[in-house]
N, C-alpha and C. Protein backbone atom coordinates (compact mmCIF):
# COMPACT_ATOMS: atom_id res chain seq x y z
N MET A 1 -216.00 -89.80 -130.48
CA MET A 1 -217.03 -89.73 -131.49
C MET A 1 -216.55 -90.48 -132.75
N LEU A 2 -217.45 -91.23 -133.34
CA LEU A 2 -217.16 -91.97 -134.55
C LEU A 2 -217.72 -91.24 -135.77
N LEU A 3 -217.11 -91.47 -136.92
CA LEU A 3 -217.54 -90.85 -138.17
C LEU A 3 -219.03 -91.10 -138.41
N LYS A 4 -219.49 -92.30 -138.12
CA LYS A 4 -220.90 -92.65 -138.36
C LYS A 4 -221.86 -91.89 -137.46
N ASP A 5 -221.36 -91.27 -136.39
CA ASP A 5 -222.21 -90.56 -135.44
C ASP A 5 -222.30 -89.05 -135.71
N ILE A 6 -221.61 -88.57 -136.73
CA ILE A 6 -221.58 -87.13 -137.00
C ILE A 6 -222.92 -86.67 -137.56
N THR A 7 -223.46 -85.61 -136.94
CA THR A 7 -224.73 -85.05 -137.39
C THR A 7 -224.68 -83.53 -137.54
N SER A 8 -223.49 -82.94 -137.47
CA SER A 8 -223.37 -81.48 -137.60
C SER A 8 -221.92 -81.12 -137.93
N GLU A 9 -221.73 -79.87 -138.31
CA GLU A 9 -220.38 -79.39 -138.56
C GLU A 9 -219.54 -79.42 -137.28
N ASN A 10 -220.16 -79.10 -136.16
CA ASN A 10 -219.45 -79.14 -134.88
C ASN A 10 -219.00 -80.57 -134.55
N ASP A 11 -219.84 -81.55 -134.85
CA ASP A 11 -219.46 -82.96 -134.66
C ASP A 11 -218.25 -83.31 -135.52
N LEU A 12 -218.23 -82.81 -136.77
CA LEU A 12 -217.09 -83.08 -137.65
C LEU A 12 -215.83 -82.47 -137.07
N ARG A 13 -215.94 -81.27 -136.55
CA ARG A 13 -214.80 -80.61 -135.90
C ARG A 13 -214.29 -81.46 -134.72
N ASN A 14 -215.20 -81.93 -133.87
CA ASN A 14 -214.81 -82.74 -132.72
C ASN A 14 -214.23 -84.09 -133.15
N TRP A 15 -214.77 -84.66 -134.21
CA TRP A 15 -214.24 -85.93 -134.73
C TRP A 15 -212.80 -85.74 -135.20
N LEU A 16 -212.56 -84.66 -135.94
CA LEU A 16 -211.21 -84.39 -136.45
C LEU A 16 -210.25 -84.14 -135.29
N LYS A 17 -210.68 -83.37 -134.30
CA LYS A 17 -209.84 -83.12 -133.12
C LYS A 17 -209.51 -84.43 -132.41
N GLY A 18 -210.51 -85.28 -132.23
CA GLY A 18 -210.31 -86.54 -131.52
C GLY A 18 -209.45 -87.55 -132.27
N ASN A 19 -209.41 -87.44 -133.59
CA ASN A 19 -208.64 -88.39 -134.39
C ASN A 19 -207.33 -87.82 -134.90
N ALA A 20 -206.99 -86.61 -134.47
CA ALA A 20 -205.75 -85.98 -134.92
C ALA A 20 -204.52 -86.79 -134.54
N ILE A 21 -204.62 -87.61 -133.52
CA ILE A 21 -203.46 -88.43 -133.10
C ILE A 21 -203.03 -89.40 -134.20
N PHE A 22 -203.92 -89.70 -135.14
CA PHE A 22 -203.58 -90.62 -136.23
C PHE A 22 -202.95 -89.90 -137.42
N MET A 23 -202.82 -88.58 -137.34
CA MET A 23 -202.21 -87.79 -138.42
C MET A 23 -200.74 -87.59 -138.10
N ARG A 24 -199.94 -88.49 -138.53
CA ARG A 24 -198.51 -88.45 -138.21
C ARG A 24 -197.84 -87.21 -138.78
N GLY A 25 -197.25 -86.41 -137.89
CA GLY A 25 -196.51 -85.22 -138.29
C GLY A 25 -197.37 -84.03 -138.65
N VAL A 26 -198.67 -84.13 -138.45
CA VAL A 26 -199.59 -83.04 -138.80
C VAL A 26 -200.04 -82.33 -137.53
N THR A 27 -200.00 -81.01 -137.58
CA THR A 27 -200.55 -80.21 -136.49
C THR A 27 -201.78 -79.47 -137.00
N LEU A 28 -202.72 -79.25 -136.10
CA LEU A 28 -203.95 -78.54 -136.43
C LEU A 28 -203.99 -77.22 -135.67
N GLN A 29 -204.26 -76.15 -136.39
CA GLN A 29 -204.41 -74.84 -135.77
C GLN A 29 -205.84 -74.39 -136.06
N TRP A 30 -206.64 -74.32 -135.02
CA TRP A 30 -208.06 -74.00 -135.18
C TRP A 30 -208.27 -72.51 -135.28
N VAL A 31 -209.07 -72.12 -136.24
CA VAL A 31 -209.42 -70.72 -136.43
C VAL A 31 -210.81 -70.55 -135.83
N GLU A 32 -210.87 -69.84 -134.74
CA GLU A 32 -212.15 -69.66 -134.05
C GLU A 32 -212.96 -68.59 -134.77
N PRO A 33 -214.27 -68.81 -134.90
CA PRO A 33 -215.10 -67.82 -135.57
C PRO A 33 -215.09 -66.49 -134.83
N SER A 34 -214.95 -65.43 -135.58
CA SER A 34 -215.01 -64.09 -135.00
C SER A 34 -215.45 -63.13 -136.09
N PRO A 35 -215.91 -61.96 -135.71
CA PRO A 35 -216.32 -61.00 -136.73
C PRO A 35 -215.17 -60.60 -137.66
N LEU A 36 -213.92 -60.68 -137.19
CA LEU A 36 -212.80 -60.25 -138.02
C LEU A 36 -212.22 -61.36 -138.88
N ILE A 37 -212.35 -62.62 -138.47
CA ILE A 37 -211.71 -63.69 -139.23
C ILE A 37 -212.73 -64.54 -139.96
N GLY A 38 -213.50 -65.34 -139.23
CA GLY A 38 -214.40 -66.29 -139.87
C GLY A 38 -215.48 -65.65 -140.71
N SER A 39 -216.15 -64.65 -140.18
CA SER A 39 -217.31 -64.08 -140.86
C SER A 39 -216.94 -63.18 -142.03
N ALA A 40 -216.00 -62.29 -141.82
CA ALA A 40 -215.74 -61.25 -142.82
C ALA A 40 -214.95 -61.75 -144.03
N ILE A 41 -213.89 -62.50 -143.81
CA ILE A 41 -213.05 -62.88 -144.95
C ILE A 41 -213.24 -64.34 -145.36
N GLY A 42 -214.04 -65.08 -144.65
CA GLY A 42 -214.32 -66.45 -145.05
C GLY A 42 -213.20 -67.43 -144.76
N ALA A 43 -212.32 -67.11 -143.80
CA ALA A 43 -211.19 -67.98 -143.47
C ALA A 43 -211.68 -69.38 -143.12
N ALA A 44 -210.85 -70.35 -143.42
CA ALA A 44 -211.18 -71.75 -143.17
C ALA A 44 -211.23 -72.04 -141.67
N ASP A 45 -211.79 -73.20 -141.33
CA ASP A 45 -211.96 -73.58 -139.92
C ASP A 45 -210.68 -74.04 -139.25
N VAL A 46 -209.81 -74.69 -140.01
CA VAL A 46 -208.60 -75.25 -139.42
C VAL A 46 -207.45 -75.14 -140.43
N ILE A 47 -206.27 -74.84 -139.90
CA ILE A 47 -205.07 -74.84 -140.71
C ILE A 47 -204.31 -76.11 -140.35
N MET A 48 -204.07 -76.94 -141.35
CA MET A 48 -203.34 -78.19 -141.13
C MET A 48 -201.92 -78.00 -141.66
N LYS A 49 -200.95 -78.35 -140.82
CA LYS A 49 -199.54 -78.19 -141.19
C LYS A 49 -198.81 -79.51 -141.09
N CYS A 50 -197.97 -79.77 -142.08
CA CYS A 50 -197.11 -80.95 -142.07
C CYS A 50 -195.80 -80.54 -142.73
N GLY A 51 -194.75 -80.45 -141.94
CA GLY A 51 -193.49 -79.96 -142.48
C GLY A 51 -193.65 -78.53 -142.98
N ASP A 52 -193.28 -78.29 -144.23
CA ASP A 52 -193.38 -76.95 -144.81
C ASP A 52 -194.73 -76.69 -145.48
N TYR A 53 -195.63 -77.67 -145.45
CA TYR A 53 -196.92 -77.52 -146.12
C TYR A 53 -197.98 -77.04 -145.15
N LYS A 54 -198.80 -76.11 -145.65
CA LYS A 54 -199.91 -75.56 -144.87
C LYS A 54 -201.15 -75.60 -145.74
N ILE A 55 -202.23 -76.13 -145.20
CA ILE A 55 -203.48 -76.22 -145.94
C ILE A 55 -204.61 -75.68 -145.07
N ASP A 56 -205.36 -74.72 -145.62
CA ASP A 56 -206.53 -74.18 -144.94
C ASP A 56 -207.72 -75.05 -145.29
N VAL A 57 -208.38 -75.61 -144.27
CA VAL A 57 -209.47 -76.57 -144.51
C VAL A 57 -210.77 -76.06 -143.89
N GLU A 58 -211.78 -75.99 -144.72
CA GLU A 58 -213.14 -75.64 -144.30
C GLU A 58 -213.89 -76.92 -144.00
N LEU A 59 -214.61 -76.96 -142.89
CA LEU A 59 -215.40 -78.13 -142.51
C LEU A 59 -216.88 -77.84 -142.72
N LYS A 60 -217.61 -78.80 -143.28
CA LYS A 60 -219.05 -78.62 -143.50
C LYS A 60 -219.79 -79.93 -143.33
N TYR A 61 -221.04 -79.81 -142.94
CA TYR A 61 -221.99 -80.92 -142.90
C TYR A 61 -223.04 -80.55 -143.94
N LEU A 62 -223.05 -81.26 -145.06
CA LEU A 62 -223.89 -80.87 -146.20
C LEU A 62 -225.02 -81.86 -146.43
N VAL A 63 -226.05 -81.37 -147.06
CA VAL A 63 -227.26 -82.15 -147.28
C VAL A 63 -227.49 -82.33 -148.78
N ARG A 64 -227.92 -83.52 -149.18
CA ARG A 64 -228.27 -83.78 -150.57
C ARG A 64 -229.74 -83.46 -150.77
N LYS A 65 -230.00 -82.65 -151.77
CA LYS A 65 -231.37 -82.26 -152.14
C LYS A 65 -231.67 -82.83 -153.52
N ILE A 66 -232.82 -82.52 -154.06
CA ILE A 66 -233.20 -83.00 -155.40
C ILE A 66 -232.20 -82.51 -156.44
N ARG A 67 -231.70 -81.28 -156.29
CA ARG A 67 -230.76 -80.71 -157.27
C ARG A 67 -229.31 -81.13 -157.02
N GLY A 68 -229.07 -81.97 -156.05
CA GLY A 68 -227.72 -82.41 -155.73
C GLY A 68 -227.32 -81.97 -154.34
N ILE A 69 -226.04 -82.10 -154.03
CA ILE A 69 -225.53 -81.66 -152.73
C ILE A 69 -225.61 -80.15 -152.67
N LYS A 70 -226.17 -79.63 -151.59
CA LYS A 70 -226.26 -78.18 -151.42
C LYS A 70 -225.01 -77.70 -150.70
N PHE A 71 -224.18 -76.96 -151.42
CA PHE A 71 -222.93 -76.44 -150.88
C PHE A 71 -223.21 -75.11 -150.18
N THR A 72 -223.49 -75.19 -148.89
CA THR A 72 -223.88 -74.02 -148.10
C THR A 72 -222.65 -73.30 -147.56
N LEU A 73 -221.98 -72.62 -148.45
CA LEU A 73 -220.84 -71.78 -148.08
C LEU A 73 -221.22 -70.33 -148.36
N ARG A 74 -220.77 -69.45 -147.48
CA ARG A 74 -221.00 -68.03 -147.71
C ARG A 74 -220.15 -67.57 -148.89
N PRO A 75 -220.57 -66.54 -149.59
CA PRO A 75 -219.76 -66.02 -150.71
C PRO A 75 -218.33 -65.69 -150.29
N SER A 76 -218.15 -65.16 -149.06
CA SER A 76 -216.79 -64.83 -148.60
C SER A 76 -215.95 -66.10 -148.45
N GLN A 77 -216.57 -67.22 -148.06
CA GLN A 77 -215.83 -68.47 -147.94
C GLN A 77 -215.41 -68.97 -149.33
N ARG A 78 -216.30 -68.90 -150.29
CA ARG A 78 -215.97 -69.32 -151.66
C ARG A 78 -214.83 -68.47 -152.21
N ARG A 79 -214.93 -67.15 -152.01
CA ARG A 79 -213.88 -66.24 -152.50
C ARG A 79 -212.55 -66.54 -151.84
N PHE A 80 -212.57 -66.79 -150.51
CA PHE A 80 -211.34 -67.08 -149.79
C PHE A 80 -210.61 -68.27 -150.42
N HIS A 81 -211.34 -69.35 -150.67
CA HIS A 81 -210.72 -70.56 -151.21
C HIS A 81 -210.21 -70.34 -152.63
N HIS A 82 -211.01 -69.77 -153.49
CA HIS A 82 -210.59 -69.56 -154.88
C HIS A 82 -209.43 -68.58 -154.99
N SER A 83 -209.50 -67.48 -154.25
CA SER A 83 -208.42 -66.50 -154.35
C SER A 83 -207.14 -67.01 -153.70
N SER A 84 -207.25 -67.75 -152.59
CA SER A 84 -206.05 -68.32 -151.96
C SER A 84 -205.35 -69.29 -152.91
N MET A 85 -206.13 -70.12 -153.59
CA MET A 85 -205.53 -71.08 -154.53
C MET A 85 -204.89 -70.35 -155.71
N ARG A 86 -205.51 -69.28 -156.20
CA ARG A 86 -204.93 -68.51 -157.32
C ARG A 86 -203.60 -67.88 -156.92
N ARG A 87 -203.46 -67.53 -155.63
CA ARG A 87 -202.22 -66.93 -155.14
C ARG A 87 -201.18 -67.96 -154.74
N GLY A 88 -201.47 -69.24 -154.97
CA GLY A 88 -200.49 -70.29 -154.67
C GLY A 88 -200.69 -71.00 -153.36
N GLY A 89 -201.71 -70.61 -152.60
CA GLY A 89 -202.00 -71.30 -151.34
C GLY A 89 -202.69 -72.63 -151.60
N LYS A 90 -202.87 -73.37 -150.54
CA LYS A 90 -203.58 -74.65 -150.63
C LYS A 90 -204.76 -74.59 -149.66
N THR A 91 -205.95 -74.83 -150.20
CA THR A 91 -207.15 -74.85 -149.37
C THR A 91 -208.01 -76.03 -149.81
N ALA A 92 -208.90 -76.44 -148.92
CA ALA A 92 -209.78 -77.56 -149.24
C ALA A 92 -211.07 -77.45 -148.42
N LEU A 93 -212.09 -78.11 -148.94
CA LEU A 93 -213.35 -78.26 -148.23
C LEU A 93 -213.47 -79.72 -147.85
N LEU A 94 -213.57 -79.99 -146.57
CA LEU A 94 -213.77 -81.35 -146.05
C LEU A 94 -215.19 -81.41 -145.54
N PHE A 95 -215.99 -82.31 -146.09
CA PHE A 95 -217.38 -82.37 -145.65
C PHE A 95 -217.87 -83.79 -145.52
N ILE A 96 -218.89 -83.91 -144.70
CA ILE A 96 -219.59 -85.17 -144.58
C ILE A 96 -221.00 -84.92 -145.09
N GLU A 97 -221.49 -85.87 -145.86
CA GLU A 97 -222.83 -85.75 -146.41
C GLU A 97 -223.83 -86.39 -145.47
N ALA A 98 -224.84 -85.62 -145.09
CA ALA A 98 -225.88 -86.13 -144.21
C ALA A 98 -226.52 -87.37 -144.82
N GLY A 99 -226.82 -88.32 -143.99
CA GLY A 99 -227.50 -89.53 -144.46
C GLY A 99 -226.55 -90.67 -144.78
N ASN A 100 -225.61 -90.46 -145.72
CA ASN A 100 -224.75 -91.59 -146.10
C ASN A 100 -223.45 -91.65 -145.32
N LYS A 101 -223.14 -90.60 -144.55
CA LYS A 101 -221.98 -90.57 -143.65
C LYS A 101 -220.65 -90.80 -144.37
N LYS A 102 -220.56 -90.36 -145.62
CA LYS A 102 -219.29 -90.45 -146.34
C LYS A 102 -218.55 -89.13 -146.21
N LEU A 103 -217.25 -89.23 -146.07
CA LEU A 103 -216.39 -88.06 -145.94
C LEU A 103 -215.80 -87.75 -147.31
N TRP A 104 -215.90 -86.48 -147.72
CA TRP A 104 -215.42 -86.04 -149.03
C TRP A 104 -214.48 -84.87 -148.86
N ILE A 105 -213.59 -84.69 -149.86
CA ILE A 105 -212.71 -83.53 -149.85
C ILE A 105 -212.66 -82.94 -151.26
N ILE A 106 -212.67 -81.61 -151.30
CA ILE A 106 -212.63 -80.88 -152.56
C ILE A 106 -211.51 -79.85 -152.46
N ARG A 107 -210.69 -79.77 -153.49
CA ARG A 107 -209.67 -78.74 -153.55
C ARG A 107 -210.33 -77.37 -153.58
N GLY A 108 -209.70 -76.38 -152.98
CA GLY A 108 -210.28 -75.04 -152.87
C GLY A 108 -210.71 -74.43 -154.19
N ASP A 109 -209.94 -74.65 -155.24
CA ASP A 109 -210.31 -74.05 -156.54
C ASP A 109 -211.40 -74.83 -157.26
N LYS A 110 -211.84 -75.95 -156.71
CA LYS A 110 -212.91 -76.76 -157.30
C LYS A 110 -214.23 -76.60 -156.55
N ILE A 111 -214.23 -75.79 -155.49
CA ILE A 111 -215.46 -75.56 -154.72
C ILE A 111 -216.46 -74.83 -155.62
N PRO A 112 -217.69 -75.32 -155.70
CA PRO A 112 -218.69 -74.65 -156.54
C PRO A 112 -218.91 -73.19 -156.10
N LEU A 113 -219.08 -72.34 -157.09
CA LEU A 113 -219.31 -70.93 -156.81
C LEU A 113 -220.77 -70.63 -156.49
N ARG A 114 -221.63 -71.62 -156.62
CA ARG A 114 -223.04 -71.50 -156.27
C ARG A 114 -223.42 -72.70 -155.41
N ASP A 115 -224.61 -72.66 -154.82
CA ASP A 115 -225.03 -73.74 -153.93
C ASP A 115 -225.11 -75.10 -154.62
N TYR A 116 -225.47 -75.12 -155.89
CA TYR A 116 -225.61 -76.38 -156.61
C TYR A 116 -224.68 -76.40 -157.82
N ALA A 117 -224.01 -77.53 -158.02
CA ALA A 117 -223.09 -77.67 -159.14
C ALA A 117 -223.81 -77.54 -160.48
N LEU A 118 -225.10 -77.87 -160.52
CA LEU A 118 -225.86 -77.78 -161.76
C LEU A 118 -226.12 -76.34 -162.20
N ASP A 119 -225.97 -75.39 -161.29
CA ASP A 119 -226.16 -73.98 -161.62
C ASP A 119 -225.13 -73.60 -162.68
N PRO A 120 -225.55 -72.96 -163.78
CA PRO A 120 -224.60 -72.59 -164.85
C PRO A 120 -223.46 -71.70 -164.35
N ASP A 121 -223.68 -70.95 -163.26
CA ASP A 121 -222.64 -70.07 -162.72
C ASP A 121 -221.80 -70.72 -161.62
N SER A 122 -221.93 -72.03 -161.46
CA SER A 122 -221.21 -72.72 -160.38
C SER A 122 -219.73 -72.88 -160.66
N GLY A 123 -219.34 -72.79 -161.93
CA GLY A 123 -217.94 -73.02 -162.28
C GLY A 123 -217.58 -74.49 -162.39
N CYS A 124 -218.56 -75.37 -162.22
CA CYS A 124 -218.33 -76.82 -162.29
C CYS A 124 -218.60 -77.30 -163.71
N GLN A 125 -217.61 -77.91 -164.31
CA GLN A 125 -217.76 -78.39 -165.67
C GLN A 125 -218.84 -79.47 -165.74
N ASN A 126 -219.81 -79.28 -166.60
CA ASN A 126 -220.93 -80.20 -166.78
C ASN A 126 -221.71 -80.43 -165.48
N GLY A 127 -221.65 -79.48 -164.56
CA GLY A 127 -222.39 -79.59 -163.31
C GLY A 127 -221.85 -80.64 -162.36
N VAL A 128 -220.60 -81.05 -162.56
CA VAL A 128 -220.01 -82.10 -161.73
C VAL A 128 -218.92 -81.50 -160.85
N VAL A 129 -218.97 -81.78 -159.55
CA VAL A 129 -217.95 -81.33 -158.61
C VAL A 129 -216.83 -82.36 -158.57
N ASP A 130 -215.61 -81.89 -158.75
CA ASP A 130 -214.44 -82.77 -158.71
C ASP A 130 -214.04 -82.97 -157.25
N MET A 131 -214.48 -84.09 -156.65
CA MET A 131 -214.19 -84.33 -155.24
C MET A 131 -213.68 -85.75 -155.03
N TRP A 132 -212.96 -85.93 -153.95
CA TRP A 132 -212.37 -87.21 -153.61
C TRP A 132 -213.06 -87.76 -152.37
N ILE A 133 -213.32 -89.06 -152.36
CA ILE A 133 -213.88 -89.68 -151.17
C ILE A 133 -212.73 -90.06 -150.24
N VAL A 134 -212.94 -89.86 -148.96
CA VAL A 134 -211.95 -90.23 -147.95
C VAL A 134 -212.50 -91.46 -147.26
N SER A 135 -211.83 -92.58 -147.43
CA SER A 135 -212.39 -93.83 -146.92
C SER A 135 -211.37 -94.62 -146.10
N GLY A 136 -211.87 -95.65 -145.46
CA GLY A 136 -211.04 -96.54 -144.66
C GLY A 136 -211.92 -97.48 -143.87
N LYS A 137 -211.31 -98.55 -143.36
CA LYS A 137 -212.11 -99.56 -142.65
C LYS A 137 -212.53 -99.11 -141.25
N ASN A 138 -211.83 -98.09 -140.71
CA ASN A 138 -212.20 -97.52 -139.41
C ASN A 138 -211.79 -96.05 -139.40
N ASP A 139 -212.12 -95.34 -138.35
CA ASP A 139 -211.86 -93.90 -138.31
C ASP A 139 -210.37 -93.58 -138.40
N ALA A 140 -209.52 -94.37 -137.77
CA ALA A 140 -208.08 -94.14 -137.84
C ALA A 140 -207.59 -94.25 -139.28
N ALA A 141 -208.10 -95.23 -140.01
CA ALA A 141 -207.72 -95.41 -141.41
C ALA A 141 -208.25 -94.27 -142.28
N VAL A 142 -209.44 -93.76 -141.96
CA VAL A 142 -210.00 -92.62 -142.69
C VAL A 142 -209.10 -91.40 -142.52
N VAL A 143 -208.68 -91.14 -141.29
CA VAL A 143 -207.82 -89.99 -141.01
C VAL A 143 -206.47 -90.16 -141.69
N GLU A 144 -205.94 -91.36 -141.70
CA GLU A 144 -204.67 -91.62 -142.39
C GLU A 144 -204.82 -91.38 -143.89
N HIS A 145 -205.94 -91.81 -144.47
CA HIS A 145 -206.20 -91.59 -145.89
C HIS A 145 -206.32 -90.09 -146.17
N LEU A 146 -207.01 -89.36 -145.30
CA LEU A 146 -207.12 -87.91 -145.44
C LEU A 146 -205.75 -87.26 -145.44
N THR A 147 -204.89 -87.66 -144.52
CA THR A 147 -203.54 -87.11 -144.44
C THR A 147 -202.78 -87.39 -145.72
N ASN A 148 -202.90 -88.61 -146.25
CA ASN A 148 -202.22 -88.95 -147.49
C ASN A 148 -202.72 -88.12 -148.66
N ILE A 149 -204.03 -87.91 -148.73
CA ILE A 149 -204.59 -87.10 -149.82
C ILE A 149 -204.05 -85.67 -149.72
N LEU A 150 -204.09 -85.10 -148.53
CA LEU A 150 -203.69 -83.70 -148.37
C LEU A 150 -202.20 -83.46 -148.52
N PHE A 151 -201.38 -84.36 -148.04
CA PHE A 151 -199.95 -84.07 -147.98
C PHE A 151 -199.07 -84.95 -148.86
N HIS A 152 -199.62 -86.03 -149.45
CA HIS A 152 -198.75 -86.94 -150.18
C HIS A 152 -199.38 -87.48 -151.46
N SER A 153 -200.14 -86.67 -152.19
CA SER A 153 -200.82 -87.22 -153.35
C SER A 153 -200.84 -86.26 -154.52
N ILE A 154 -201.51 -86.71 -155.56
CA ILE A 154 -201.67 -85.90 -156.76
C ILE A 154 -202.82 -84.90 -156.60
N PHE A 155 -203.42 -84.85 -155.44
CA PHE A 155 -204.56 -83.97 -155.16
C PHE A 155 -204.28 -82.53 -155.58
N TRP A 156 -203.04 -82.08 -155.46
CA TRP A 156 -202.70 -80.69 -155.71
C TRP A 156 -202.20 -80.42 -157.12
N ARG A 157 -202.07 -81.45 -157.93
CA ARG A 157 -201.64 -81.22 -159.32
C ARG A 157 -202.66 -80.34 -160.03
N SER A 158 -202.21 -79.49 -160.90
CA SER A 158 -203.13 -78.56 -161.57
C SER A 158 -204.15 -79.27 -162.44
N ASP A 159 -203.85 -80.48 -162.89
CA ASP A 159 -204.80 -81.22 -163.74
C ASP A 159 -205.66 -82.19 -162.93
N ALA A 160 -205.49 -82.20 -161.60
CA ALA A 160 -206.27 -83.14 -160.77
C ALA A 160 -207.68 -82.64 -160.56
């Protein structure tokens, strides 16, 4: 499956699984949805590990509406990411936007607390979500860029 062919969250999951071979030194541990893990506490979809680093990553296929990108995360998922980051963990939201097929990543503590960043209670300064685009000339390059962002960049600096 190619990035341009993704039309659902499940497609994004399969794309990541299929391109994991391009993530040098990274292992993926999939968290399967269950009443005890995925639904109740909002645990991320995949745990990515590289050396001593572990990052919980939520996967989403999001849609742009008139009010902006609709961040369709359950409250438990939002809480999981924000509280994990406050406790020193590393979490992120990796999503593809329907229509333009661009891959984006947001640090866990920057995930909007409401569906739209423009909502005054979203926690987003000036209604803007601080997110990074993951790009490359082909899918292998996109995955390599993602790996660099997650494990070798300023993405995790407190001022990023």
